[in-house]
Amino acid sequence: MPEHPPDGRVFAMPTHRTTRAPARPTGRAVTLGLTLAVLAGAGWLAGMIYTLITWQL
């Protein structure tokens, strides 16, 4: 049976930090989504303005 560390833990903890992948893909996806949302909103607004201008014609 393996011996426990003296501080009562069940197993030894690693002493090094793990490296994390940068959050660039997520940031790119959010930027793309926001850009598409702005374009869709601008298109909707342009359609509403066009509808109001041509409503009485």
N, C-alpha and C. Protein backbone atom coordinates (compact mmCIF):
# COMPACT_ATOMS: atom_id res chain seq x y z
N MET A 1 0.84 -1.17 0.00
CA MET A 1 0.00 0.00 0.00
C MET A 1 0.90 1.25 0.00
N PRO A 2 0.60 2.23 -0.90
CA PRO A 2 1.46 3.40 -0.97
C PRO A 2 1.29 4.29 0.26
N GLU A 3 2.36 4.94 0.60
CA GLU A 3 2.34 5.81 1.77
C GLU A 3 1.75 7.17 1.40
N HIS A 4 0.91 7.74 2.27
CA HIS A 4 0.29 9.04 2.04
C HIS A 4 1.29 10.15 2.34
N PRO A 5 1.14 11.29 1.66
CA PRO A 5 1.99 12.44 2.01
C PRO A 5 1.75 12.86 3.47
N PRO A 6 2.73 13.50 4.09
CA PRO A 6 2.61 13.83 5.52
C PRO A 6 1.50 14.83 5.85
N ASP A 7 1.00 15.60 4.87
CA ASP A 7 -0.03 16.59 5.20
C ASP A 7 -1.44 16.04 5.07
N GLY A 8 -1.61 14.74 4.85
CA GLY A 8 -2.92 14.12 4.86
C GLY A 8 -3.61 14.03 3.51
N ARG A 9 -2.98 14.52 2.44
CA ARG A 9 -3.60 14.39 1.13
C ARG A 9 -3.56 12.94 0.67
N VAL A 10 -4.46 12.58 -0.21
CA VAL A 10 -4.52 11.20 -0.70
C VAL A 10 -3.45 10.96 -1.75
N PHE A 11 -3.14 11.98 -2.54
CA PHE A 11 -2.10 11.85 -3.56
C PHE A 11 -1.31 13.15 -3.64
N ALA A 12 -0.13 13.07 -4.21
CA ALA A 12 0.71 14.26 -4.32
C ALA A 12 0.19 15.16 -5.43
N MET A 13 0.14 16.45 -5.13
CA MET A 13 -0.33 17.42 -6.11
C MET A 13 0.85 17.83 -7.00
N PRO A 14 0.58 18.08 -8.28
CA PRO A 14 1.68 18.55 -9.14
C PRO A 14 2.09 19.97 -8.75
N THR A 15 3.34 20.28 -8.94
CA THR A 15 3.84 21.59 -8.54
C THR A 15 3.93 22.56 -9.72
N HIS A 16 3.68 22.10 -10.93
CA HIS A 16 3.77 22.99 -12.09
C HIS A 16 2.37 23.46 -12.50
N ARG A 17 2.32 24.59 -13.16
CA ARG A 17 1.05 25.10 -13.66
C ARG A 17 0.84 24.60 -15.08
N THR A 18 -0.40 24.33 -15.39
CA THR A 18 -0.70 23.91 -16.75
C THR A 18 -0.82 25.13 -17.64
N THR A 19 -0.44 24.98 -18.88
CA THR A 19 -0.56 26.09 -19.83
C THR A 19 -1.96 26.06 -20.43
N ARG A 20 -2.53 27.22 -20.57
CA ARG A 20 -3.87 27.32 -21.14
C ARG A 20 -3.78 27.85 -22.55
N ALA A 21 -4.66 27.35 -23.40
CA ALA A 21 -4.70 27.83 -24.78
C ALA A 21 -5.29 29.23 -24.80
N PRO A 22 -4.79 30.09 -25.65
CA PRO A 22 -5.36 31.44 -25.72
C PRO A 22 -6.80 31.41 -26.21
N ALA A 23 -7.57 32.40 -25.82
CA ALA A 23 -8.99 32.44 -26.14
C ALA A 23 -9.27 33.11 -27.48
N ARG A 24 -8.35 33.04 -28.40
CA ARG A 24 -8.53 33.71 -29.68
C ARG A 24 -9.69 33.14 -30.50
N PRO A 25 -9.86 31.82 -30.65
CA PRO A 25 -10.99 31.34 -31.47
C PRO A 25 -12.34 31.81 -30.94
N THR A 26 -12.50 31.85 -29.63
CA THR A 26 -13.76 32.31 -29.06
C THR A 26 -13.95 33.79 -29.34
N GLY A 27 -12.89 34.57 -29.20
CA GLY A 27 -12.97 35.99 -29.48
C GLY A 27 -13.31 36.27 -30.93
N ARG A 28 -12.75 35.48 -31.83
CA ARG A 28 -13.06 35.65 -33.26
C ARG A 28 -14.51 35.31 -33.54
N ALA A 29 -15.02 34.26 -32.91
CA ALA A 29 -16.42 33.87 -33.13
C ALA A 29 -17.37 34.94 -32.61
N VAL A 30 -17.05 35.52 -31.46
CA VAL A 30 -17.89 36.58 -30.91
C VAL A 30 -17.85 37.81 -31.80
N THR A 31 -16.66 38.17 -32.28
CA THR A 31 -16.54 39.33 -33.17
C THR A 31 -17.31 39.10 -34.46
N LEU A 32 -17.21 37.92 -35.03
CA LEU A 32 -17.95 37.60 -36.25
C LEU A 32 -19.45 37.66 -36.00
N GLY A 33 -19.91 37.10 -34.89
CA GLY A 33 -21.34 37.12 -34.57
C GLY A 33 -21.86 38.54 -34.38
N LEU A 34 -21.09 39.38 -33.70
CA LEU A 34 -21.51 40.76 -33.50
C LEU A 34 -21.52 41.53 -34.82
N THR A 35 -20.55 41.26 -35.67
CA THR A 35 -20.51 41.92 -36.98
C THR A 35 -21.72 41.53 -37.81
N LEU A 36 -22.05 40.26 -37.82
CA LEU A 36 -23.23 39.80 -38.57
C LEU A 36 -24.51 40.39 -37.99
N ALA A 37 -24.58 40.52 -36.68
CA ALA A 37 -25.76 41.10 -36.04
C ALA A 37 -25.90 42.57 -36.40
N VAL A 38 -24.79 43.30 -36.45
CA VAL A 38 -24.85 44.71 -36.83
C VAL A 38 -25.29 44.84 -38.28
N LEU A 39 -24.76 44.00 -39.16
CA LEU A 39 -25.17 44.04 -40.57
C LEU A 39 -26.65 43.71 -40.73
N ALA A 40 -27.13 42.72 -40.01
CA ALA A 40 -28.55 42.37 -40.08
C ALA A 40 -29.42 43.51 -39.55
N GLY A 41 -29.00 44.15 -38.47
CA GLY A 41 -29.74 45.28 -37.93
C GLY A 41 -29.76 46.46 -38.89
N ALA A 42 -28.63 46.72 -39.54
CA ALA A 42 -28.57 47.81 -40.52
C ALA A 42 -29.48 47.51 -41.71
N GLY A 43 -29.50 46.26 -42.14
CA GLY A 43 -30.39 45.86 -43.24
C GLY A 43 -31.85 46.00 -42.86
N TRP A 44 -32.18 45.61 -41.64
CA TRP A 44 -33.56 45.75 -41.18
C TRP A 44 -33.96 47.22 -41.12
N LEU A 45 -33.08 48.06 -40.58
CA LEU A 45 -33.36 49.48 -40.48
C LEU A 45 -33.53 50.11 -41.87
N ALA A 46 -32.67 49.74 -42.79
CA ALA A 46 -32.78 50.25 -44.16
C ALA A 46 -34.10 49.81 -44.78
N GLY A 47 -34.52 48.59 -44.53
CA GLY A 47 -35.79 48.10 -45.05
C GLY A 47 -36.97 48.85 -44.46
N MET A 48 -36.91 49.17 -43.18
CA MET A 48 -37.99 49.94 -42.55
C MET A 48 -38.06 51.36 -43.10
N ILE A 49 -36.92 51.99 -43.28
CA ILE A 49 -36.90 53.34 -43.86
C ILE A 49 -37.43 53.32 -45.27
N TYR A 50 -37.02 52.31 -46.05
CA TYR A 50 -37.52 52.19 -47.43
C TYR A 50 -39.04 52.00 -47.43
N THR A 51 -39.53 51.18 -46.52
CA THR A 51 -40.97 50.93 -46.44
C THR A 51 -41.72 52.20 -46.08
N LEU A 52 -41.22 52.96 -45.12
CA LEU A 52 -41.90 54.20 -44.74
C LEU A 52 -41.88 55.25 -45.85
N ILE A 53 -40.78 55.32 -46.59
CA ILE A 53 -40.69 56.29 -47.69
C ILE A 53 -41.64 55.92 -48.82
N THR A 54 -41.74 54.65 -49.15
CA THR A 54 -42.56 54.23 -50.29
C THR A 54 -43.99 53.87 -49.90
N TRP A 55 -44.37 54.04 -48.64
CA TRP A 55 -45.70 53.64 -48.17
C TRP A 55 -46.81 54.42 -48.88
N GLN A 56 -46.63 55.72 -49.06
CA GLN A 56 -47.68 56.56 -49.64
C GLN A 56 -47.58 56.70 -51.15
N LEU A 57 -46.56 56.16 -51.76
CA LEU A 57 -46.38 56.34 -53.20
C LEU A 57 -47.29 55.46 -54.02
